[in-house]
Protein backbone atom coordinates (compact mmCIF):
# COMPACT_ATOMS: atom_id res chain seq x y z
CA MET A 1 2.48 25.00 -3.30
CA THR A 2 1.44 22.11 -1.06
CA ASN A 3 2.53 18.66 -2.16
CA LYS A 4 0.21 15.72 -1.76
CA TYR A 5 3.20 13.37 -1.61
CA ILE A 6 5.57 13.93 1.32
CA LEU A 7 8.79 11.93 1.60
CA LYS A 8 10.45 11.00 4.86
CA PRO A 9 13.49 13.23 5.58
CA GLY A 10 16.67 12.61 3.61
CA LEU A 11 17.57 11.48 0.12
CA HIS A 12 15.86 8.38 -1.25
CA GLN A 13 16.64 5.80 -3.92
CA PHE A 14 13.53 4.83 -5.91
CA ILE A 15 15.05 2.57 -8.56
CA PRO A 16 17.33 -0.30 -7.50
CA GLY A 17 20.89 0.46 -8.57
CA SER A 18 20.29 4.20 -8.99
CA ALA A 19 21.58 7.01 -6.80
CA ALA A 20 19.65 8.25 -3.75
CA LYS A 21 18.65 11.64 -5.14
CA HIS A 22 14.96 12.16 -4.37
CA CYS A 23 13.75 14.54 -1.66
CA ASN A 24 10.70 16.73 -1.10
CA GLY A 25 12.42 19.70 -2.75
CA SER A 26 13.17 17.79 -5.95
CA LEU A 27 9.99 15.75 -6.40
CA SER A 28 6.70 16.93 -7.87
CA ASP A 29 3.36 15.21 -7.21
CA GLU A 30 3.28 14.04 -10.83
CA GLU A 31 6.73 12.47 -10.54
CA ALA A 32 5.88 10.83 -7.21
CA SER A 33 2.71 9.34 -8.68
CA TRP A 34 4.64 8.04 -11.69
CA TYR A 35 7.32 6.42 -9.52
CA LEU A 36 4.75 4.86 -7.15
CA LYS A 37 2.88 3.26 -10.04
CA ARG A 38 6.06 1.70 -11.41
CA TYR A 39 7.80 0.97 -8.10
CA PRO A 40 5.13 0.32 -5.44
CA HIS A 41 7.80 -0.86 -2.97
CA ILE A 42 8.79 2.80 -2.42
CA ALA A 43 5.48 3.63 -0.71
CA ASN A 44 7.14 3.17 2.68
CA LEU A 45 9.50 6.07 1.86
CA PHE A 46 6.55 8.47 2.02
CA VAL A 47 4.93 9.77 5.19
CA MET A 48 1.89 10.98 3.26
CA PHE A 49 0.32 10.44 -0.13
CA PRO A 50 -3.22 10.82 -1.54
CA SER A 51 -5.73 8.31 -0.25
CA LEU A 52 -7.17 5.60 -2.41
CA THR A 53 -10.27 6.24 -4.45
CA THR A 54 -13.61 5.11 -3.02
CA GLU A 55 -13.74 2.28 -5.55
CA GLN A 56 -10.30 0.99 -4.50
CA ASN A 57 -11.23 1.26 -0.81
CA SER A 58 -14.47 -0.70 -1.24
CA SER A 59 -12.69 -3.35 -3.31
CA GLN A 60 -10.01 -3.77 -0.64
CA SER A 61 -12.68 -3.88 2.07
CA ALA A 62 -14.55 -6.67 0.27
CA THR A 63 -11.31 -8.62 -0.17
CA LYS A 64 -10.46 -8.21 3.50
CA LYS A 65 -13.94 -9.46 4.52
CA ARG A 66 -13.53 -12.55 2.30
CA ARG A 67 -10.12 -13.30 3.80
CA ASN A 68 -11.48 -12.95 7.33
CA ARG A 69 -14.39 -15.26 6.53
CA ILE A 70 -12.05 -17.88 5.01
CA THR A 71 -9.68 -17.63 7.98
CA LYS A 72 -12.57 -18.22 10.38
CA LEU A 73 -13.80 -21.19 8.35
CA VAL A 74 -10.35 -22.77 8.29
CA ALA A 75 -9.90 -22.23 12.04
CA LYS A 76 -13.34 -23.64 12.78
CA SER A 77 -12.87 -26.72 10.59
CA SER A 78 -9.44 -27.47 12.01
CA LEU A 79 -10.82 -27.90 15.54
CA PRO A 80 -11.37 -31.50 16.65
CA GLY A 81 -14.82 -32.49 15.43
CA GLY A 82 -15.34 -29.01 14.01
CA LYS A 83 -17.33 -28.54 10.86
CA ALA A 84 -17.30 -25.40 8.81
CA GLU A 85 -20.49 -24.07 7.33
CA ILE A 86 -20.08 -22.67 3.85
């Protein structure tokens, strides 16, 4: 069986204060998904996990474009005599 969620080598602690007991041999995809939903900070313990859905990707892309546009406007308006067009 091929797992969609692959942990970095070693034992990992998912819940603060709990023992480091999780490894690829002891973690199913269902368990990994459950833990990631409840403890998103553990995402950096994985070297691979399923990609985001298309809807999530497009939403993040739109957010990133808005942030870039706002950053450019702020930079432009903070220049001496600069005026931002909205």
